[in-house]
Protein backbone atom coordinates (compact mmCIF):
# COMPACT_ATOMS: atom_id res chain seq x y z
CA MET A 1 96.90 10.97 9.11
CA ALA A 2 94.77 8.52 11.11
CA GLU A 3 91.02 8.26 10.54
CA HIS A 4 90.11 9.74 13.94
CA ASP A 5 92.39 12.74 13.29
CA ALA A 6 90.35 13.73 10.26
CA ASP A 7 87.49 14.90 12.51
CA VAL A 8 89.71 17.40 14.35
CA PRO A 9 89.86 20.85 12.68
CA ALA A 10 93.27 22.25 11.74
CA GLY A 11 94.94 24.29 14.48
CA ILE A 12 93.39 22.28 17.34
CA MET A 13 95.81 20.51 19.65
CA MET A 14 94.69 17.51 21.68
CA THR A 15 96.23 16.79 25.10
CA SER A 16 95.25 15.75 28.60
CA MET A 17 94.39 18.08 31.47
CA GLU A 18 97.28 16.64 33.49
CA ALA A 19 99.72 17.60 30.73
CA ILE A 20 98.44 21.19 30.65
CA VAL A 21 98.55 21.60 34.42
CA GLY A 22 101.98 19.92 34.53
CA TRP A 23 103.28 22.38 31.97
CA LEU A 24 101.85 25.31 33.94
CA ARG A 25 103.40 24.07 37.19
CA LYS A 26 106.83 23.48 35.77
CA THR A 27 106.98 26.93 34.17
CA SER A 28 105.93 28.88 37.25
CA PHE A 29 107.77 27.82 40.41
CA TRP A 30 107.33 30.05 43.43
CA PRO A 31 110.22 29.23 45.78
CA LEU A 32 109.98 29.85 49.52
CA THR A 33 112.55 32.26 50.91
CA MET A 34 114.49 29.84 53.12
CA GLY A 35 118.06 31.12 53.51
CA LEU A 36 119.59 29.62 56.64
CA ALA A 37 123.33 30.20 56.17
CA CYS A 38 126.03 31.07 53.62
CA CYS A 39 124.37 29.08 50.80
CA ALA A 40 121.58 31.65 50.91
CA ILE A 41 123.86 34.16 49.17
CA GLU A 42 124.12 31.81 46.20
CA MET A 43 120.35 31.22 46.30
CA ILE A 44 119.76 34.97 46.25
CA SER A 45 122.06 35.39 43.25
CA TYR A 46 119.97 32.73 41.48
CA GLY A 47 117.23 35.35 41.28
CA GLY A 48 119.64 38.10 40.23
CA PRO A 49 120.52 39.34 36.73
CA ARG A 50 123.43 36.96 36.08
CA ALA A 51 121.61 33.66 36.70
CA ASP A 52 118.25 35.26 35.81
CA ALA A 53 115.70 32.77 37.14
CA ALA A 54 113.01 34.94 35.56
CA ARG A 55 113.79 33.30 32.21
CA TRP A 56 111.96 30.21 33.48
CA GLY A 57 109.27 31.88 35.60
CA HIS A 58 110.99 31.29 38.96
CA GLU A 59 111.77 34.83 40.02
CA VAL A 60 108.97 35.22 42.55
CA PHE A 61 110.48 34.22 45.92
CA ARG A 62 107.58 34.05 48.37
CA ALA A 63 107.79 35.03 52.03
CA SER A 64 104.65 33.03 52.87
CA PRO A 65 104.72 29.23 52.72
CA ARG A 66 101.05 29.24 51.72
CA GLN A 67 102.01 30.77 48.37
CA ALA A 68 105.13 28.67 47.64
CA ASP A 69 105.53 25.29 45.98
CA LEU A 70 109.33 24.88 46.13
CA MET A 71 111.40 24.93 49.32
CA ILE A 72 115.12 25.48 48.82
CA VAL A 73 116.79 24.63 52.14
CA SER A 74 120.03 26.56 51.73
CA GLY A 75 122.52 26.12 54.54
CA ARG A 76 122.85 24.28 57.81
CA VAL A 77 119.73 23.48 59.83
CA SER A 78 120.17 23.85 63.58
CA GLN A 79 118.21 21.75 66.07
CA LYS A 80 116.27 24.87 67.08
CA MET A 81 115.40 25.66 63.45
CA ALA A 82 114.32 22.10 62.55
CA PRO A 83 110.74 22.39 63.92
CA VAL A 84 110.33 25.71 62.11
CA VAL A 85 111.48 24.19 58.80
CA ARG A 86 109.03 21.32 59.27
CA GLN A 87 106.20 23.72 60.11
CA LEU A 88 106.89 25.80 57.02
CA TYR A 89 106.96 22.63 54.91
CA ASP A 90 103.61 21.52 56.36
CA GLN A 91 102.07 24.93 55.58
CA MET A 92 102.99 24.72 51.90
CA PRO A 93 100.14 23.56 49.63
CA ASN A 94 100.44 20.30 47.71
CA PRO A 95 102.15 19.49 45.44
CA LYS A 96 105.41 20.76 46.87
CA TRP A 97 109.06 20.05 46.19
CA VAL A 98 112.27 20.41 48.21
CA ILE A 99 115.87 21.09 47.17
CA SER A 100 118.55 20.50 49.79
CA MET A 101 121.15 23.10 48.80
CA GLY A 102 124.72 22.62 49.95
CA ALA A 103 126.67 20.09 51.96
CA CYS A 104 125.39 21.39 55.29
CA ALA A 105 121.71 21.06 54.36
CA SER A 106 122.28 17.64 52.77
CA SER A 107 124.47 15.96 55.40
CA GLY A 108 125.47 18.43 58.09
CA GLY A 109 128.67 19.36 56.22
CA ILE A 110 131.63 20.09 58.45
CA PHE A 111 129.34 20.59 61.44
CA ASN A 112 129.21 17.09 62.92
CA ASN A 113 127.94 18.08 66.35
CA TYR A 114 124.85 18.09 68.56
CA ALA A 115 123.59 21.50 67.42
CA ILE A 116 123.21 20.80 63.67
CA VAL A 117 120.75 18.41 62.03
CA GLN A 118 122.81 15.97 59.98
CA GLY A 119 120.79 16.42 56.81
CA CYS A 120 117.41 18.08 56.36
CA ASP A 121 116.08 14.75 55.10
CA HIS A 122 115.67 13.88 58.79
CA ILE A 123 112.79 16.36 59.04
CA ILE A 124 111.35 16.79 55.51
CA PRO A 125 111.39 14.70 52.32
CA VAL A 126 113.97 15.94 49.82
CA ASP A 127 113.53 15.67 46.04
CA VAL A 128 116.95 16.88 44.86
CA TYR A 129 120.26 17.07 46.74
CA LEU A 130 122.58 19.84 45.58
CA PRO A 131 126.21 19.23 46.65
CA GLY A 132 128.87 21.85 47.17
CA CYS A 133 130.12 24.36 49.68
CA PRO A 134 128.55 26.59 48.52
CA PRO A 135 126.97 25.39 45.28
CA SER A 136 126.89 27.91 42.47
CA PRO A 137 123.70 29.43 41.06
CA ASP A 138 124.30 27.37 37.90
CA MET A 139 124.09 24.20 39.97
CA LEU A 140 120.83 25.44 41.49
CA ILE A 141 119.46 26.05 37.99
CA ASP A 142 120.32 22.44 37.11
CA ALA A 143 118.59 21.17 40.27
CA VAL A 144 115.46 23.17 39.46
CA PHE A 145 115.42 21.70 35.95
CA LYS A 146 115.64 18.19 37.45
CA ILE A 147 112.53 18.94 39.49
CA ARG A 148 110.83 20.37 36.40
CA GLU A 149 111.26 16.96 34.73
CA GLN A 150 109.41 15.31 37.65
CA ILE A 151 106.54 17.81 37.62
CA GLN A 152 105.43 17.32 34.02
CA HIS A 153 103.65 14.05 34.84
CA TRP A 154 102.32 14.83 38.33
CA PRO A 155 98.80 13.44 38.99
CA LEU A 156 95.80 15.71 39.56
CA MET A 157 92.86 15.88 41.96
CA GLY A 158 92.24 13.23 44.66
CA HIS A 159 94.96 10.88 43.44
CA MET A 160 97.54 13.64 43.99
CA ALA A 161 97.07 13.55 47.78
CA GLU A 162 97.70 9.80 47.86
CA VAL A 163 100.86 10.12 45.79
CA GLU A 164 102.14 13.01 47.92
CA LYS A 165 101.54 11.10 51.17
CA ALA A 166 103.25 7.96 49.82
CA LYS A 167 106.20 10.07 48.61
CA GLU A 168 106.64 11.64 52.04
CA GLN A 169 106.42 8.27 53.84
CA LEU A 170 109.06 6.77 51.53
CA ALA A 171 111.37 9.75 51.95
CA LEU A 172 111.14 9.80 55.74
CA ALA A 173 111.60 6.01 55.97
CA ALA A 174 114.72 6.12 53.79
CA THR A 175 118.17 5.70 55.28
CA PRO A 176 119.46 9.10 56.47
CA THR A 177 122.42 10.48 54.52
CA LEU A 178 124.66 10.29 57.59
CA GLU A 179 124.12 6.53 57.82
CA MET A 180 124.79 6.12 54.08
CA GLU A 181 128.41 7.12 54.51
CA THR A 182 130.79 4.25 53.98
CA THR A 183 134.17 4.13 55.58
CA THR A 184 137.12 2.21 54.27
CA PRO A 185 138.66 -0.08 56.89
CA ALA A 186 142.17 0.89 58.01
CA LYS A 187 143.54 -2.44 56.68
CA GLU A 188 142.58 -1.50 53.12
CA ILE A 189 144.23 1.92 53.39
CA GLY A 190 147.52 0.34 54.40
CA ARG A 191 147.72 1.41 58.00
């Protein structure tokens, strides 16, 4: 036992305020109800008895963005819906996190046309991409746990706003997922 620990009475635990608030945040997500297409069925079953999101304090899906801190974009985002998704994201209080659920939300999926946004990262910053068509509730649980790892060390007070703004600028300046696709030249395929 170190000398400075001798002054602390037994049963007292020392930690920082950021660690306490981080623990509270990661154990009480309030996701925004954001079902846009078929992936929403899997998102809904995440809150049901089989996946049981209540085990981790995530069962409260909020209808108001002002009460939510996690946006799960589940399904394809149409051009008409894109401004609404952005508005809902802007109305969420900081800190906030985003999961892009499914191939359509992440990259447009099979809908490579003018009506569908080719990845919701064109309109909002995304923290975790969840692949699949549709991804299972177990995959969504894994994605939520990946965000929980990020939350534990999130800064507090005035510094939090700076970090959140920098995070959004980096995410929106990143290369869109559609442009990240690499194609193999026909010569290498053997055509």
